[in-house]
Amino acid sequence: LDNIGMTVQEGFNNCSQVAPPFQTNCNPGAAEWMVTRSAAASKWEEAFPTMANLSHNHPGVPAFNQISSNSYCNCSEFMNPLPDGAPQMWLTNVSNNVEDASCF
């Protein structure tokens, strides 16, 4: 979980060109094209309804993730340090993740 879309790759996410993937550097535009103009648009839209709205719904932000109820073992840290206010400001839930010492 990182915010590279808000920093280094911000230009790839705050854009408006709608075109097929690999024919644009605009990530939300490629997603919108997939659900509105591709041959399988209806299938994409049914499977991923939020793709049509990415350019208006927290572009570049790693939003709406659920990272919960995981166990981890022998890690120096479960997640990289996040900026102040994250993950709450990213509308992301990080909870109930526990270290399992039984693997040691």
C-alpha atoms as a PDB file:
ATOM      1  CA  LEU A   1       0.000   0.000   0.000  1.00  0.00           C
ATOM      2  CA  ASP A   2       1.654   3.198  -1.112  1.00  0.00           C
ATOM      3  CA  ASN A   3       0.738   6.595  -2.450  1.00  0.00           C
ATOM      4  CA  ILE A   4       2.899   6.631  -5.576  1.00  0.00           C
ATOM      5  CA  GLY A   5      -0.186   7.677  -7.547  1.00  0.00           C
ATOM      6  CA  MET A   6      -0.334  10.827  -5.432  1.00  0.00           C
ATOM      7  CA  THR A   7       3.357  11.651  -5.869  1.00  0.00           C
ATOM      8  CA  VAL A   8       5.665  10.294  -8.590  1.00  0.00           C
ATOM      9  CA  GLN A   9       2.824   9.106 -10.849  1.00  0.00           C
ATOM     10  CA  GLU A  10       0.360  11.926 -10.117  1.00  0.00           C
ATOM     11  CA  GLY A  11       0.233  12.908 -13.804  1.00  0.00           C
ATOM     12  CA  PHE A  12      -0.943   9.412 -14.719  1.00  0.00           C
ATOM     13  CA  ASN A  13      -3.959   9.757 -12.430  1.00  0.00           C
ATOM     14  CA  ASN A  14      -5.037  13.405 -12.633  1.00  0.00           C
ATOM     15  CA  CYS A  15      -5.841  13.371 -16.340  1.00  0.00           C
ATOM     16  CA  SER A  16      -8.819  13.181 -18.665  1.00  0.00           C
ATOM     17  CA  GLN A  17      -7.774  11.323 -21.843  1.00  0.00           C
ATOM     18  CA  VAL A  18     -10.052   8.318 -22.400  1.00  0.00           C
ATOM     19  CA  ALA A  19      -8.253   5.727 -24.534  1.00  0.00           C
ATOM     20  CA  PRO A  20      -7.419   2.015 -24.544  1.00  0.00           C
ATOM     21  CA  PRO A  21      -4.835   0.740 -22.065  1.00  0.00           C
ATOM     22  CA  PHE A  22      -1.278   1.028 -23.377  1.00  0.00           C
ATOM     23  CA  GLN A  23      -2.428   3.780 -25.749  1.00  0.00           C
ATOM     24  CA  THR A  24      -2.599   6.312 -22.934  1.00  0.00           C
ATOM     25  CA  ASN A  25      -0.704   7.100 -19.750  1.00  0.00           C
ATOM     26  CA  CYS A  26      -3.973   8.174 -18.137  1.00  0.00           C
ATOM     27  CA  ASN A  27      -4.902   5.371 -15.732  1.00  0.00           C
ATOM     28  CA  PRO A  28      -8.493   6.497 -15.016  1.00  0.00           C
ATOM     29  CA  GLY A  29      -9.028   7.149 -18.723  1.00  0.00           C
ATOM     30  CA  ALA A  30      -7.949   3.601 -19.595  1.00  0.00           C
ATOM     31  CA  ALA A  31     -10.267   2.208 -16.918  1.00  0.00           C
ATOM     32  CA  GLU A  32     -13.155   4.324 -18.193  1.00  0.00           C
ATOM     33  CA  TRP A  33     -12.482   3.152 -21.765  1.00  0.00           C
ATOM     34  CA  MET A  34     -12.593  -0.482 -20.605  1.00  0.00           C
ATOM     35  CA  VAL A  35     -16.098  -0.119 -19.126  1.00  0.00           C
ATOM     36  CA  THR A  36     -17.576   2.210 -21.755  1.00  0.00           C
ATOM     37  CA  ARG A  37     -15.942   1.567 -25.128  1.00  0.00           C
ATOM     38  CA  SER A  38     -14.196  -1.810 -25.214  1.00  0.00           C
ATOM     39  CA  ALA A  39     -15.764  -4.846 -26.878  1.00  0.00           C
ATOM     40  CA  ALA A  40     -16.362  -6.349 -23.432  1.00  0.00           C
ATOM     41  CA  ALA A  41     -17.454  -3.072 -21.812  1.00  0.00           C
ATOM     42  CA  SER A  42     -20.636  -4.464 -20.270  1.00  0.00           C
ATOM     43  CA  LYS A  43     -18.745  -7.374 -18.702  1.00  0.00           C
ATOM     44  CA  TRP A  44     -16.066  -5.054 -17.309  1.00  0.00           C
ATOM     45  CA  GLU A  45     -18.689  -2.673 -15.944  1.00  0.00           C
ATOM     46  CA  GLU A  46     -20.602  -5.503 -14.327  1.00  0.00           C
ATOM     47  CA  ALA A  47     -17.474  -6.903 -12.680  1.00  0.00           C
ATOM     48  CA  PHE A  48     -15.923  -3.529 -11.732  1.00  0.00           C
ATOM     49  CA  PRO A  49     -18.635  -0.849 -11.630  1.00  0.00           C
ATOM     50  CA  THR A  50     -16.388   1.765 -10.004  1.00  0.00           C
ATOM     51  CA  MET A  51     -13.954   1.765 -12.959  1.00  0.00           C
ATOM     52  CA  ALA A  52     -16.113   4.200 -14.931  1.00  0.00           C
ATOM     53  CA  ASN A  53     -15.810   6.770 -12.187  1.00  0.00           C
ATOM     54  CA  LEU A  54     -12.113   6.571 -11.253  1.00  0.00           C
ATOM     55  CA  SER A  55     -11.221  10.038 -12.526  1.00  0.00           C
ATOM     56  CA  HIS A  56     -13.760  11.555 -10.126  1.00  0.00           C
ATOM     57  CA  ASN A  57     -13.311   9.219  -7.180  1.00  0.00           C
ATOM     58  CA  HIS A  58      -9.979   9.808  -5.410  1.00  0.00           C
ATOM     59  CA  PRO A  59      -7.677   9.624  -8.476  1.00  0.00           C
ATOM     60  CA  GLY A  60      -4.261   8.247  -7.609  1.00  0.00           C
ATOM     61  CA  VAL A  61      -5.210   7.601  -4.005  1.00  0.00           C
ATOM     62  CA  PRO A  62      -4.956   4.005  -2.781  1.00  0.00           C
ATOM     63  CA  ALA A  63      -8.544   4.252  -1.549  1.00  0.00           C
ATOM     64  CA  PHE A  64     -11.110   1.728  -0.370  1.00  0.00           C
ATOM     65  CA  ASN A  65      -8.670  -1.062   0.543  1.00  0.00           C
ATOM     66  CA  GLN A  66      -9.474  -3.578   3.269  1.00  0.00           C
ATOM     67  CA  ILE A  67      -6.342  -4.881   4.969  1.00  0.00           C
ATOM     68  CA  SER A  68      -7.737  -6.715   7.942  1.00  0.00           C
ATOM     69  CA  SER A  69      -7.618  -9.961   9.869  1.00  0.00           C
ATOM     70  CA  ASN A  70      -4.249 -11.024   8.499  1.00  0.00           C
ATOM     71  CA  SER A  71      -1.535 -12.849  10.353  1.00  0.00           C
ATOM     72  CA  TYR A  72       2.115 -12.342   9.608  1.00  0.00           C
ATOM     73  CA  CYS A  73       5.301 -13.876  10.842  1.00  0.00           C
ATOM     74  CA  ASN A  74       8.970 -13.033  10.956  1.00  0.00           C
ATOM     75  CA  CYS A  75       8.537  -9.570   9.449  1.00  0.00           C
ATOM     76  CA  SER A  76      10.372  -6.491  10.615  1.00  0.00           C
ATOM     77  CA  GLU A  77       7.123  -4.597   9.969  1.00  0.00           C
ATOM     78  CA  PHE A  78       3.678  -5.522   8.662  1.00  0.00           C
ATOM     79  CA  MET A  79       3.412  -2.435   6.425  1.00  0.00           C
ATOM     80  CA  ASN A  80       5.715   0.339   5.370  1.00  0.00           C
ATOM     81  CA  PRO A  81       5.256   3.528   7.351  1.00  0.00           C
ATOM     82  CA  LEU A  82       2.440   5.612   5.869  1.00  0.00           C
ATOM     83  CA  PRO A  83       2.110   9.414   5.744  1.00  0.00           C
ATOM     84  CA  ASP A  84       0.357  11.110   8.652  1.00  0.00           C
ATOM     85  CA  GLY A  85      -3.389  10.656   8.398  1.00  0.00           C
ATOM     86  CA  ALA A  86      -3.151   7.591   6.178  1.00  0.00           C
ATOM     87  CA  PRO A  87      -4.811   5.162   5.845  1.00  0.00           C
ATOM     88  CA  GLN A  88      -7.904   6.901   7.257  1.00  0.00           C
ATOM     89  CA  MET A  89      -7.740   9.765   4.751  1.00  0.00           C
ATOM     90  CA  TRP A  90      -7.435   7.166   1.999  1.00  0.00           C
ATOM     91  CA  LEU A  91     -10.693   5.531   3.156  1.00  0.00           C
ATOM     92  CA  THR A  92      -8.702   2.378   3.832  1.00  0.00           C
ATOM     93  CA  ASN A  93      -9.216   0.020   6.742  1.00  0.00           C
ATOM     94  CA  VAL A  94      -6.108  -1.485   8.355  1.00  0.00           C
ATOM     95  CA  SER A  95      -7.188  -3.449  11.407  1.00  0.00           C
ATOM     96  CA  ASN A  96      -6.909  -6.704  13.316  1.00  0.00           C
ATOM     97  CA  ASN A  97      -3.613  -7.723  11.750  1.00  0.00           C
ATOM     98  CA  VAL A  98      -1.580  -9.796  14.198  1.00  0.00           C
ATOM     99  CA  GLU A  99       1.865 -11.241  14.361  1.00  0.00           C
ATOM    100  CA  ASP A 100       1.849 -15.022  14.672  1.00  0.00           C
ATOM    101  CA  ALA A 101       4.914 -16.044  16.651  1.00  0.00           C
ATOM    102  CA  SER A 102       4.261 -19.761  16.159  1.00  0.00           C
ATOM    103  CA  CYS A 103       6.305 -19.776  12.960  1.00  0.00           C
ATOM    104  CA  PHE A 104       9.534 -18.902  14.788  1.00  0.00           C
END
